[in-house]
Amino acid sequence: MTFAELLEQVGSMGRFQIIHVTLLVLPILLMASHNILQNFTAATPGHHCHIAIVANYTCDDNLTDLLYCQELLKIAIPVDGNQHPEKCLRFISAQWQLLDPNATITNETEMDTEPCMDGWIYDKSVFTSTIITEWDLVCGSRTLKQMAQSIYMAGVLVGAIVFGSLSDKFGRKSLLIWSCLQMAITGSCAAFSSNFTMYCVFRFLTGMALSGINLNCMSLSVEWTPTKLRAAVGMVTGYSYSIGQFILAGLAYVIPDWRWLQLAVSVPYFIFFFYGWWFTESARWLATAGKLNQALKELQKVARINGRKEEGDKLSVEDLRASLQKEMSSAKSTHTAADLVRTPSVRRISWCLCFVWFSTSFAYYGLAMDLQNFGVSIYLIQVVYGAVDIPAKLIGFFMISFIGRRVTQASALILAGLAILANIFVPQDLQTLRTLLAVFGKGCLAASFNCAFLYTGELYPTVIRQTGMGFVNTLARVGGIVAPLVQMTSEYLPSLPLIIYGAAPIVSGIATCFLPETRNMPLPDTIEDKPGNLYTPPLAALTGDTSPLASTECTG
């Protein structure tokens, strides 16, 4: 009897699984809020140098004051090529002659400028406070904004490495509980940061916690779900992340102060921490860890909740030992990250997944963290970015369920890359078309993420599943760290960032064709198990051609 058959015996997708998955997706709801939080907490409002000509003067909303401020800006702040006030320069002395429309400039030395020496004035009509306005992260310090996001993503990377290995050693439940507590504490502390360095430290720790939550929520969902319903559970968890993007847009609109917004997305994790003690540890993991008595108790608990108490009572340690012999034997050996490349089949999986996860995250964050450049409401763009996930993931779900994981993964990546590359040929003045292509590309990448989580969990054996998930998440976070840096290449060639963002998913889509198909296949438990179907080509489910020769084709 396999573990899948044991799940059927204790209730398959019963009451326990429904409650279990529901409680697991709640922490994922706010994961998007932390991943792209800096779109709002680090938004850069309009700004210009503080005008020292009139000390302590502020412009009110009445017409007289507004006209006076416009004149004040004209004599104190130079304009750029678009006739907007310069953000980082001011006149050394007041240029009163500029108030006369008929005046001509006879002495250009009188128009000399200097950097902002007395700080900046910020437009607070949209955001009352951000970390940009809090610590003046503009002009010479503007790169610190991207540094803060990269530090956060570095924390996610470190968390993927640390929590991926620890959860394979100490279990999914305990690491999930700890991660929720760490997220709640460090996220709340970030809101009370008194300086930029302190803020970055707490954001780094928050990123670590997010990886722990992400990895263990997915593993607990997959390992308690029957084989045929894993795709549906994957879709539910994927949609919870999409809904989280709507929640973030709503919270950011209602809470324009960055400190209160940071608190609003962090405090709920205290609730997740407290109810996390109810979660049931993975019986599959307990078996591989040699804890048969505890595995039996968890299975009987699940049977009782599912109304299958009698079937659960029939189970015994001897039954488990006989039916889970492979899992027991795997517990006698110690598994490390080296096992990810130990056998040819696992080595191929690890190599291909490196491309998939890096490029998906790389292109995704290249698009998702650039909302202010669309020229429309940042809240509207965030809602649109979240909305596109709904049809994208729904289409992805049907493709995953009826065609297969491999075709879905490859198609999503290649289409995303083509959409990004297409923007190179669209003129800058066609903003609507450029926005539509970016939104389409982002939707494809969201579907790719959704498929990758399920696909990876099905490809890696149980004994190294969390280590493997941690490994590929590491590559994803490297992509998230590198993505902002690619924007710097636009100084050499304006279209170069789009070329890089678009090429990476296409290459990864091709690499996906070398992965095995796992649709309706039992989860591998040991390294010796061959995951999925290594011989069926991507469209074999549709064409009926299951010959070994056809396995060399890539129709993704």
Protein backbone atom coordinates (compact mmCIF):
# COMPACT_ATOMS: atom_id res chain seq x y z
CA MET A 1 0.00 0.00 0.00
CA THR A 2 1.45 3.36 -1.03
CA PHE A 3 0.99 6.60 0.89
CA ALA A 4 -1.50 7.75 -1.74
CA GLU A 5 -3.60 4.66 -0.95
CA LEU A 6 -3.34 5.44 2.77
CA LEU A 7 -4.73 8.92 2.09
CA GLU A 8 -7.67 7.39 0.25
CA GLN A 9 -8.29 5.06 3.19
CA VAL A 10 -8.45 7.90 5.73
CA GLY A 11 -10.76 10.09 3.68
CA SER A 12 -9.02 11.36 0.53
CA MET A 13 -10.03 15.03 0.07
CA GLY A 14 -12.28 15.18 3.11
CA ARG A 15 -13.15 17.71 5.78
CA PHE A 16 -9.63 17.72 7.18
CA GLN A 17 -7.99 18.54 3.84
CA ILE A 18 -10.45 21.37 3.14
CA ILE A 19 -9.86 22.99 6.56
CA HIS A 20 -6.14 22.32 6.32
CA VAL A 21 -5.72 23.98 2.92
CA THR A 22 -7.95 26.90 3.89
CA LEU A 23 -5.85 27.72 6.95
CA LEU A 24 -2.63 27.29 4.97
CA VAL A 25 -3.59 29.74 2.23
CA LEU A 26 -4.39 32.57 4.66
CA PRO A 27 -0.71 33.37 5.36
CA ILE A 28 -0.08 33.27 1.60
CA LEU A 29 -2.69 36.02 1.12
CA LEU A 30 -0.35 38.60 2.63
CA MET A 31 2.83 37.27 1.05
CA ALA A 32 2.26 39.45 -2.02
CA SER A 33 1.87 42.42 0.32
CA HIS A 34 5.43 41.93 1.55
CA ASN A 35 6.99 40.99 -1.79
CA ILE A 36 5.85 44.12 -3.61
CA LEU A 37 5.21 46.31 -0.57
CA GLN A 38 7.88 48.80 -1.61
CA ASN A 39 5.80 49.82 -4.62
CA PHE A 40 3.92 51.84 -2.02
CA THR A 41 6.09 52.20 1.09
CA ALA A 42 9.04 53.24 -1.13
CA ALA A 43 7.07 55.18 -3.74
CA THR A 44 8.89 58.29 -4.96
CA PRO A 45 6.54 61.29 -5.00
CA GLY A 46 7.16 64.44 -6.98
CA HIS A 47 9.79 66.60 -5.33
CA HIS A 48 12.09 69.57 -5.72
CA CYS A 49 14.72 71.34 -3.68
CA HIS A 50 13.68 73.19 -0.57
CA ILE A 51 13.40 76.87 -1.37
CA ALA A 52 15.49 78.85 1.08
CA ILE A 53 14.46 82.28 -0.26
CA VAL A 54 11.38 82.38 1.96
CA ALA A 55 11.97 80.57 5.23
CA ASN A 56 9.30 78.27 6.66
CA TYR A 57 6.75 79.06 3.97
CA THR A 58 4.18 76.46 2.96
CA CYS A 59 1.67 76.62 0.15
CA ASP A 60 -2.00 76.30 1.16
CA ASP A 61 -4.84 75.29 -1.12
CA ASN A 62 -6.20 78.78 -1.73
CA LEU A 63 -5.60 80.37 -5.12
CA THR A 64 -3.42 83.20 -3.86
CA ASP A 65 -0.96 80.86 -2.19
CA LEU A 66 -0.85 78.51 -5.20
CA LEU A 67 -0.04 81.37 -7.58
CA TYR A 68 2.60 82.64 -5.19
CA CYS A 69 4.20 79.17 -5.00
CA GLN A 70 4.29 78.88 -8.78
CA GLU A 71 6.17 82.16 -8.98
CA LEU A 72 8.46 81.05 -6.18
CA LEU A 73 9.30 77.85 -8.02
CA LYS A 74 10.02 79.79 -11.20
CA ILE A 75 12.65 82.03 -9.62
CA ALA A 76 14.22 79.36 -7.41
CA ILE A 77 14.12 76.07 -9.32
CA PRO A 78 15.33 75.50 -12.91
CA VAL A 79 13.24 73.41 -15.29
CA ASP A 80 14.20 70.24 -17.17
CA GLY A 81 13.72 69.42 -20.84
CA ASN A 82 10.01 68.72 -20.25
CA GLN A 83 9.51 72.08 -18.55
CA HIS A 84 9.08 70.42 -15.16
CA PRO A 85 10.93 71.68 -12.05
CA GLU A 86 14.32 70.02 -11.60
CA LYS A 87 14.31 67.49 -8.78
CA CYS A 88 17.90 67.79 -7.67
CA LEU A 89 19.02 71.35 -8.55
CA ARG A 90 18.18 74.90 -7.53
CA PHE A 91 19.40 78.35 -8.45
CA ILE A 92 22.17 79.71 -6.27
CA SER A 93 20.40 83.08 -6.22
CA ALA A 94 16.82 84.11 -6.98
CA GLN A 95 16.17 84.71 -10.68
CA TRP A 96 13.58 87.48 -10.46
CA GLN A 97 13.90 88.28 -14.14
CA LEU A 98 12.21 84.97 -14.98
CA LEU A 99 8.91 86.43 -13.79
CA ASP A 100 8.97 88.76 -16.79
CA PRO A 101 7.91 86.74 -19.87
CA ASN A 102 9.61 89.29 -22.15
CA ALA A 103 12.92 89.25 -20.32
CA THR A 104 16.07 87.90 -21.99
CA ILE A 105 18.95 86.30 -20.15
CA THR A 106 22.11 88.36 -20.68
CA ASN A 107 24.40 86.83 -18.05
CA GLU A 108 24.24 83.06 -17.79
CA THR A 109 26.55 83.01 -14.77
CA GLU A 110 23.72 84.57 -12.77
CA MET A 111 21.74 81.36 -13.51
CA ASP A 112 24.26 79.01 -11.87
CA THR A 113 22.73 76.10 -9.99
CA GLU A 114 23.68 73.96 -7.02
CA PRO A 115 22.48 70.67 -5.50
CA CYS A 116 19.73 70.68 -2.91
CA MET A 117 21.51 71.90 0.22
CA ASP A 118 18.51 72.24 2.54
CA GLY A 119 16.52 69.12 1.75
CA TRP A 120 13.49 68.59 -0.46
CA ILE A 121 9.82 69.47 -0.68
CA TYR A 122 7.62 66.45 -1.51
CA ASP A 123 4.21 66.19 -3.11
CA LYS A 124 2.02 64.58 -0.45
CA SER A 125 -1.20 64.47 -2.45
CA VAL A 126 -0.92 60.67 -2.95
CA PHE A 127 1.44 59.41 -0.24
CA THR A 128 1.61 61.23 3.06
CA SER A 129 4.79 59.41 4.01
CA THR A 130 7.15 56.84 2.44
CA ILE A 131 10.66 55.71 3.27
CA ILE A 132 11.75 58.01 0.43
CA THR A 133 10.36 61.11 2.13
CA GLU A 134 11.32 59.83 5.59
CA TRP A 135 15.04 59.53 4.83
CA ASP A 136 15.37 61.63 1.64
CA LEU A 137 16.25 58.71 -0.63
CA VAL A 138 16.30 60.86 -3.76
CA CYS A 139 18.91 62.36 -6.10
CA GLY A 140 22.33 61.16 -4.90
CA SER A 141 20.68 58.63 -2.55
CA ARG A 142 18.07 57.31 -4.99
CA THR A 143 19.85 53.98 -5.48
CA LEU A 144 19.20 53.16 -1.81
CA LYS A 145 15.57 52.48 -2.74
CA GLN A 146 16.61 49.58 -4.98
CA MET A 147 19.16 48.49 -2.40
CA ALA A 148 16.39 48.11 0.20
CA GLN A 149 14.42 45.85 -2.13
CA SER A 150 17.53 43.84 -3.00
CA ILE A 151 18.32 43.39 0.71
CA TYR A 152 14.79 42.12 1.28
CA MET A 153 15.13 39.68 -1.61
CA ALA A 154 18.51 38.60 -0.22
CA GLY A 155 16.68 37.73 3.00
CA VAL A 156 14.20 35.66 1.00
CA LEU A 157 17.16 33.91 -0.61
CA VAL A 158 18.86 33.13 2.71
CA GLY A 159 15.53 31.95 4.12
CA ALA A 160 15.05 29.57 1.21
CA ILE A 161 18.44 28.00 1.93
CA VAL A 162 18.07 27.86 5.71
CA PHE A 163 14.41 26.91 6.10
CA GLY A 164 14.46 24.49 3.17
CA SER A 165 17.04 22.29 4.88
CA LEU A 166 15.71 22.77 8.41
CA SER A 167 12.17 21.73 7.51
CA ASP A 168 13.47 18.48 6.00
CA LYS A 169 15.26 17.87 9.31
CA PHE A 170 12.78 19.15 11.90
CA GLY A 171 9.46 18.95 10.08
CA ARG A 172 7.13 21.27 8.23
CA LYS A 173 4.85 22.31 11.08
CA SER A 174 7.47 23.60 13.53
CA LEU A 175 9.26 25.63 10.87
CA LEU A 176 5.98 27.11 9.64
CA ILE A 177 5.03 28.21 13.16
CA TRP A 178 8.45 29.78 13.72
CA SER A 179 8.35 31.56 10.34
CA CYS A 180 4.97 33.14 11.10
CA LEU A 181 6.24 34.42 14.45
CA GLN A 182 9.41 35.80 12.86
CA MET A 183 7.38 37.49 10.13
CA ALA A 184 5.04 39.11 12.66
CA ILE A 185 7.82 40.42 14.91
CA THR A 186 10.34 41.61 12.31
CA GLY A 187 7.66 43.06 10.02
CA SER A 188 6.22 45.07 12.90
CA CYS A 189 9.67 46.20 14.02
CA ALA A 190 10.39 47.49 10.50
CA ALA A 191 7.45 49.87 10.93
CA PHE A 192 9.16 51.43 13.98
CA SER A 193 12.60 51.77 12.38
CA SER A 194 14.32 55.03 13.28
CA ASN A 195 16.82 54.94 10.41
CA PHE A 196 17.34 53.33 7.02
CA THR A 197 19.88 50.77 8.25
CA MET A 198 17.50 49.45 10.91
CA TYR A 199 14.73 49.27 8.34
CA CYS A 200 16.88 47.17 5.98
CA VAL A 201 17.89 44.77 8.77
CA PHE A 202 14.28 44.05 9.71
CA ARG A 203 13.25 43.76 6.06
CA PHE A 204 16.01 41.19 5.56
CA LEU A 205 14.67 39.11 8.47
CA THR A 206 11.13 39.51 7.13
CA GLY A 207 12.27 38.14 3.79
CA MET A 208 13.78 35.11 5.52
CA ALA A 209 10.49 34.42 7.28
CA LEU A 210 8.53 34.72 4.05
CA SER A 211 10.55 31.88 2.51
CA GLY A 212 9.83 29.65 5.49
CA ILE A 213 6.10 30.33 5.23
CA ASN A 214 6.06 29.82 1.49
CA LEU A 215 7.98 26.54 1.45
CA ASN A 216 6.18 24.88 4.33
CA CYS A 217 2.67 25.98 3.37
CA MET A 218 3.18 24.45 -0.06
CA SER A 219 4.70 21.22 1.31
CA LEU A 220 1.97 20.67 3.90
CA SER A 221 -0.67 21.29 1.22
CA VAL A 222 0.87 18.90 -1.31
CA GLU A 223 1.76 16.12 1.13
CA TRP A 224 -1.76 15.85 2.55
CA THR A 225 -3.53 16.10 -0.81
CA PRO A 226 -4.52 13.14 -3.05
CA THR A 227 -2.62 12.91 -6.32
CA LYS A 228 -5.51 13.84 -8.60
CA LEU A 229 -6.37 16.99 -6.62
CA ARG A 230 -2.89 18.43 -6.21
CA ALA A 231 -3.38 20.70 -9.24
CA ALA A 232 -6.60 22.12 -7.76
CA VAL A 233 -4.87 22.82 -4.46
CA GLY A 234 -2.01 24.43 -6.35
CA MET A 235 -4.53 26.69 -8.10
CA VAL A 236 -6.13 27.68 -4.79
CA THR A 237 -2.80 28.65 -3.25
CA GLY A 238 -1.85 30.51 -6.43
CA TYR A 239 -5.09 32.49 -6.41
CA SER A 240 -4.59 33.39 -2.77
CA TYR A 241 -1.36 35.14 -3.76
CA SER A 242 -3.23 36.96 -6.56
CA ILE A 243 -5.98 38.07 -4.19
CA GLY A 244 -3.22 39.34 -1.92
CA GLN A 245 -2.28 41.85 -4.63
CA PHE A 246 -5.82 43.28 -4.50
CA ILE A 247 -5.61 43.43 -0.71
CA LEU A 248 -2.33 45.34 -0.93
CA ALA A 249 -3.75 47.89 -3.38
CA GLY A 250 -6.76 48.44 -1.10
CA LEU A 251 -4.67 48.73 2.06
CA ALA A 252 -2.22 51.10 0.41
CA TYR A 253 -5.06 53.32 -0.83
CA VAL A 254 -6.65 53.49 2.63
CA ILE A 255 -3.34 53.76 4.51
CA PRO A 256 -1.05 56.28 2.74
CA ASP A 257 1.47 56.34 5.61
CA TRP A 258 4.22 53.74 5.14
CA ARG A 259 4.63 52.88 8.84
CA TRP A 260 0.96 52.05 9.36
CA LEU A 261 0.88 50.13 6.07
CA GLN A 262 3.89 48.07 7.15
CA LEU A 263 2.09 47.24 10.40
CA ALA A 264 -1.15 46.37 8.63
CA VAL A 265 0.49 43.59 6.57
CA SER A 266 2.62 42.25 9.46
CA VAL A 267 0.40 42.06 12.55
CA PRO A 268 -1.97 39.38 11.07
CA TYR A 269 0.91 36.90 11.20
CA PHE A 270 0.54 36.82 14.99
CA ILE A 271 -2.89 35.26 14.35
CA PHE A 272 -1.38 32.75 11.91
CA PHE A 273 1.25 31.89 14.54
CA PHE A 274 -1.37 31.06 17.19
CA TYR A 275 -3.59 28.85 15.03
CA GLY A 276 -0.53 27.22 13.43
CA TRP A 277 -0.27 24.92 16.45
CA TRP A 278 -3.41 23.16 15.18
CA PHE A 279 -1.71 22.06 11.95
CA THR A 280 -1.04 18.38 11.45
CA GLU A 281 2.54 17.41 10.68
CA SER A 282 3.06 15.64 7.38
CA ALA A 283 2.70 11.89 7.92
CA ARG A 284 4.78 11.36 4.83
CA TRP A 285 7.65 13.33 6.39
CA LEU A 286 7.21 11.55 9.74
CA ALA A 287 7.52 8.20 7.95
CA THR A 288 10.70 9.23 6.16
CA ALA A 289 12.06 10.49 9.49
CA GLY A 290 11.40 7.07 11.10
CA LYS A 291 8.66 8.38 13.45
CA LEU A 292 6.08 5.71 12.69
CA ASN A 293 4.12 6.02 15.94
CA GLN A 294 3.57 9.72 15.42
CA ALA A 295 2.76 9.18 11.75
CA LEU A 296 0.10 6.66 12.78
CA LYS A 297 -1.44 9.14 15.25
CA GLU A 298 -1.61 11.85 12.59
CA LEU A 299 -3.25 9.52 10.08
CA GLN A 300 -5.81 8.41 12.67
CA LYS A 301 -6.48 12.05 13.54
CA VAL A 302 -7.13 12.81 9.87
CA ALA A 303 -9.40 9.74 9.58
CA ARG A 304 -11.38 10.87 12.62
CA ILE A 305 -11.89 14.41 11.26
CA ASN A 306 -12.90 13.00 7.88
CA GLY A 307 -15.49 10.69 9.46
CA ARG A 308 -13.40 7.56 8.76
CA LYS A 309 -12.57 6.70 12.38
CA GLU A 310 -13.05 2.96 11.87
CA GLU A 311 -10.69 2.87 8.88
CA GLY A 312 -8.15 4.85 10.89
CA ASP A 313 -8.38 2.50 13.87
CA LYS A 314 -7.60 -0.42 11.59
CA LEU A 315 -4.18 1.03 10.85
CA SER A 316 -1.24 -0.14 12.94
CA VAL A 317 2.47 0.51 13.16
CA GLU A 318 3.07 -2.88 11.53
CA ASP A 319 0.83 -1.92 8.62
CA LEU A 320 2.69 1.35 8.21
CA ARG A 321 6.06 -0.36 8.38
CA ALA A 322 5.02 -2.86 5.71
CA SER A 323 3.35 -0.34 3.39
CA LEU A 324 5.91 2.43 3.78
CA GLN A 325 9.03 0.33 3.54
CA LYS A 326 10.68 2.65 1.03
CA GLU A 327 10.12 5.67 3.26
CA MET A 328 11.53 3.82 6.26
CA SER A 329 14.65 2.74 4.40
CA SER A 330 15.26 6.28 3.23
CA ALA A 331 15.23 7.49 6.84
CA LYS A 332 18.33 5.43 7.59
CA SER A 333 20.42 7.54 5.24
CA THR A 334 21.32 11.19 5.62
CA HIS A 335 20.36 13.42 2.72
CA THR A 336 22.09 16.68 1.86
CA ALA A 337 22.04 19.25 -0.93
CA ALA A 338 24.51 17.04 -2.82
CA ASP A 339 21.64 14.60 -3.41
CA LEU A 340 20.11 17.17 -5.76
CA VAL A 341 22.75 16.21 -8.32
CA ARG A 342 23.55 12.64 -7.23
CA THR A 343 21.66 10.66 -9.88
CA PRO A 344 21.26 11.53 -13.59
CA SER A 345 17.48 11.99 -13.38
CA VAL A 346 17.57 14.25 -10.31
CA ARG A 347 20.55 16.13 -11.74
CA ARG A 348 18.62 16.86 -14.92
CA ILE A 349 15.63 18.04 -12.90
CA SER A 350 17.75 20.36 -10.76
CA TRP A 351 19.53 21.82 -13.78
CA CYS A 352 16.34 22.57 -15.71
CA LEU A 353 14.53 23.96 -12.66
CA CYS A 354 17.43 26.38 -12.14
CA PHE A 355 16.50 28.03 -15.43
CA VAL A 356 12.76 27.94 -14.75
CA TRP A 357 12.83 29.53 -11.32
CA PHE A 358 15.55 32.10 -11.99
CA SER A 359 13.98 33.46 -15.17
CA THR A 360 10.40 33.45 -13.83
CA SER A 361 11.36 35.51 -10.78
CA PHE A 362 13.83 37.64 -12.75
CA ALA A 363 11.28 38.73 -15.36
CA TYR A 364 8.39 38.89 -12.85
CA TYR A 365 10.06 41.37 -10.51
CA GLY A 366 11.47 43.28 -13.45
CA LEU A 367 7.84 44.04 -14.38
CA ALA A 368 6.13 44.08 -10.97
CA MET A 369 8.45 46.59 -9.25
CA ASP A 370 8.19 49.26 -11.95
CA LEU A 371 4.62 50.47 -11.48
CA GLN A 372 5.34 54.22 -11.28
CA ASN A 373 6.65 54.32 -14.86
CA PHE A 374 3.24 53.60 -16.39
CA GLY A 375 2.11 57.19 -15.95
CA VAL A 376 -1.28 56.29 -14.43
CA SER A 377 -2.57 55.64 -10.92
CA ILE A 378 -0.25 53.25 -9.12
CA TYR A 379 -3.27 51.76 -7.33
CA LEU A 380 -5.03 51.06 -10.64
CA ILE A 381 -1.97 49.38 -12.12
CA GLN A 382 -1.60 47.22 -9.02
CA VAL A 383 -5.24 46.13 -9.32
CA VAL A 384 -4.78 45.36 -13.03
CA TYR A 385 -1.62 43.39 -12.28
CA GLY A 386 -3.55 41.38 -9.71
CA ALA A 387 -6.60 40.96 -11.95
CA VAL A 388 -4.66 39.48 -14.84
CA ASP A 389 -3.60 36.60 -12.61
CA ILE A 390 -7.18 35.33 -12.39
CA PRO A 391 -7.67 34.32 -16.04
CA ALA A 392 -3.98 33.47 -16.44
CA LYS A 393 -3.96 31.02 -13.55
CA LEU A 394 -7.36 29.62 -14.48
CA ILE A 395 -6.13 28.82 -18.00
CA GLY A 396 -2.95 27.46 -16.46
CA PHE A 397 -4.97 25.23 -14.13
CA PHE A 398 -6.90 23.63 -16.99
CA MET A 399 -3.69 23.14 -18.94
CA ILE A 400 -2.00 21.60 -15.88
CA SER A 401 -4.93 19.27 -15.27
CA PHE A 402 -5.74 18.15 -18.81
CA ILE A 403 -2.57 18.63 -20.85
CA GLY A 404 0.22 18.43 -18.32
CA ARG A 405 2.70 20.32 -16.21
CA ARG A 406 5.49 20.41 -18.79
CA VAL A 407 3.50 22.03 -21.61
CA THR A 408 1.98 24.57 -19.21
CA GLN A 409 5.33 25.56 -17.77
CA ALA A 410 7.04 25.89 -21.14
CA SER A 411 4.14 27.77 -22.77
CA ALA A 412 3.83 30.30 -19.95
CA LEU A 413 7.54 31.11 -20.02
CA ILE A 414 7.86 31.41 -23.79
CA LEU A 415 4.72 33.57 -24.15
CA ALA A 416 5.91 35.86 -21.35
CA GLY A 417 9.28 36.30 -23.04
CA LEU A 418 7.68 37.08 -26.41
CA ALA A 419 5.35 39.67 -24.84
CA ILE A 420 8.26 41.44 -23.17
CA LEU A 421 10.35 41.40 -26.35
CA ALA A 422 7.39 42.75 -28.36
CA ASN A 423 7.47 45.95 -26.29
CA ILE A 424 10.83 46.77 -27.85
CA PHE A 425 9.09 47.47 -31.16
CA VAL A 426 6.16 49.49 -29.70
CA PRO A 427 6.66 53.29 -29.77
CA GLN A 428 6.84 55.08 -26.43
CA ASP A 429 3.74 57.17 -27.18
CA LEU A 430 1.56 54.02 -27.43
CA GLN A 431 1.40 53.64 -23.65
CA THR A 432 -1.84 51.64 -23.70
CA LEU A 433 -0.38 48.96 -25.94
CA ARG A 434 2.85 48.86 -23.98
CA THR A 435 0.89 48.47 -20.76
CA LEU A 436 -1.26 45.66 -22.22
CA LEU A 437 1.82 43.73 -23.34
CA ALA A 438 3.44 44.15 -19.93
CA VAL A 439 0.25 43.01 -18.17
CA PHE A 440 -0.02 39.98 -20.47
CA GLY A 441 3.61 39.09 -19.79
CA LYS A 442 3.08 39.46 -16.07
CA GLY A 443 0.03 37.18 -16.23
CA CYS A 444 2.04 34.50 -18.01
CA LEU A 445 4.78 34.75 -15.39
CA ALA A 446 2.20 34.45 -12.61
CA ALA A 447 0.89 31.27 -14.25
CA SER A 448 4.50 30.07 -14.53
CA PHE A 449 5.05 30.61 -10.81
CA ASN A 450 1.83 28.76 -10.01
CA CYS A 451 2.82 25.79 -12.13
CA ALA A 452 6.44 25.80 -10.91
CA PHE A 453 5.47 25.36 -7.25
CA LEU A 454 3.32 22.33 -8.00
CA TYR A 455 5.66 20.90 -10.63
CA THR A 456 8.76 21.17 -8.43
CA GLY A 457 7.01 19.52 -5.48
CA GLU A 458 6.06 16.60 -7.74
CA LEU A 459 9.49 16.24 -9.34
CA TYR A 460 11.64 16.02 -6.21
CA PRO A 461 11.47 12.89 -3.98
CA THR A 462 10.06 13.25 -0.47
CA VAL A 463 13.44 12.81 1.24
CA ILE A 464 14.87 15.89 -0.49
CA ARG A 465 11.70 17.74 -1.47
CA GLN A 466 12.18 20.65 0.92
CA THR A 467 15.89 20.82 0.14
CA GLY A 468 15.01 20.95 -3.54
CA MET A 469 12.33 23.58 -2.98
CA GLY A 470 14.84 25.61 -1.00
CA PHE A 471 17.39 25.26 -3.79
CA VAL A 472 15.11 26.44 -6.59
CA ASN A 473 13.75 29.23 -4.41
CA THR A 474 17.34 30.32 -3.94
CA LEU A 475 17.66 30.69 -7.71
CA ALA A 476 14.35 32.56 -7.82
CA ARG A 477 15.55 35.05 -5.22
CA VAL A 478 18.82 35.56 -7.06
CA GLY A 479 16.64 36.51 -10.02
CA GLY A 480 14.71 38.92 -7.81
CA ILE A 481 17.94 40.52 -6.61
CA VAL A 482 19.44 40.84 -10.09
CA ALA A 483 16.26 42.20 -11.75
CA PRO A 484 16.58 45.83 -10.49
CA LEU A 485 20.25 45.93 -11.50
CA VAL A 486 19.35 45.16 -15.12
CA GLN A 487 17.53 48.50 -15.34
CA MET A 488 20.94 50.19 -15.16
CA THR A 489 21.81 48.77 -18.60
CA SER A 490 19.32 51.19 -20.18
CA GLU A 491 22.03 53.86 -19.95
CA TYR A 492 23.91 52.00 -22.69
CA LEU A 493 20.91 50.89 -24.78
CA PRO A 494 17.32 51.85 -23.86
CA SER A 495 15.87 48.53 -25.03
CA LEU A 496 18.57 46.34 -23.43
CA PRO A 497 16.61 45.65 -20.19
CA LEU A 498 13.62 44.39 -22.21
CA ILE A 499 15.89 42.20 -24.33
CA ILE A 500 17.35 40.59 -21.20
CA TYR A 501 13.99 40.28 -19.42
CA GLY A 502 12.44 38.68 -22.52
CA ALA A 503 15.25 36.33 -23.51
CA ALA A 504 15.56 34.66 -20.10
CA PRO A 505 12.02 33.16 -20.00
CA ILE A 506 12.30 31.91 -23.58
CA VAL A 507 15.53 30.04 -22.82
CA SER A 508 13.93 28.58 -19.69
CA GLY A 509 10.84 27.51 -21.61
CA ILE A 510 13.07 25.48 -23.90
CA ALA A 511 14.85 23.95 -20.88
CA THR A 512 11.47 22.88 -19.46
CA CYS A 513 11.03 20.50 -22.39
CA PHE A 514 13.72 18.26 -20.89
CA LEU A 515 11.74 17.69 -17.67
CA PRO A 516 9.50 14.62 -17.12
CA GLU A 517 5.73 14.89 -17.05
CA THR A 518 4.14 14.31 -13.60
CA ARG A 519 0.41 14.58 -14.32
CA ASN A 520 -1.48 11.81 -12.46
CA MET A 521 1.80 10.29 -11.30
CA PRO A 522 2.49 9.28 -7.66
CA LEU A 523 4.98 11.38 -5.75
CA PRO A 524 8.49 9.88 -5.69
CA ASP A 525 9.66 9.07 -2.17
CA THR A 526 13.32 8.12 -2.59
CA ILE A 527 16.12 9.35 -4.83
CA GLU A 528 16.04 6.06 -6.71
CA ASP A 529 12.41 6.65 -7.75
CA LYS A 530 11.97 8.12 -11.21
CA PRO A 531 9.60 11.10 -10.95
CA GLY A 532 6.75 11.27 -13.41
CA ASN A 533 7.01 9.96 -16.93
CA LEU A 534 10.45 10.41 -18.42
CA TYR A 535 9.43 8.95 -21.75
CA THR A 536 6.15 10.59 -22.68
CA PRO A 537 6.43 13.77 -24.77
CA PRO A 538 4.55 16.92 -23.68
CA LEU A 539 1.45 16.26 -25.82
CA ALA A 540 1.30 12.50 -25.43
CA ALA A 541 -1.84 12.83 -23.33
CA LEU A 542 -3.55 14.38 -26.33
CA THR A 543 -1.99 12.48 -29.22
CA GLY A 544 -1.74 9.04 -27.65
CA ASP A 545 1.85 8.69 -28.87
CA THR A 546 3.75 7.23 -25.92
CA SER A 547 6.69 5.78 -27.81
CA PRO A 548 10.14 6.31 -26.27
CA LEU A 549 11.31 7.90 -29.52
CA ALA A 550 8.76 10.69 -29.14
CA SER A 551 10.30 11.75 -25.83
CA THR A 552 13.00 13.71 -27.63
CA GLU A 553 10.47 16.15 -29.09
CA CYS A 554 9.69 19.50 -27.52
CA THR A 555 6.26 20.79 -28.38
CA GLY A 556 5.93 23.27 -25.52
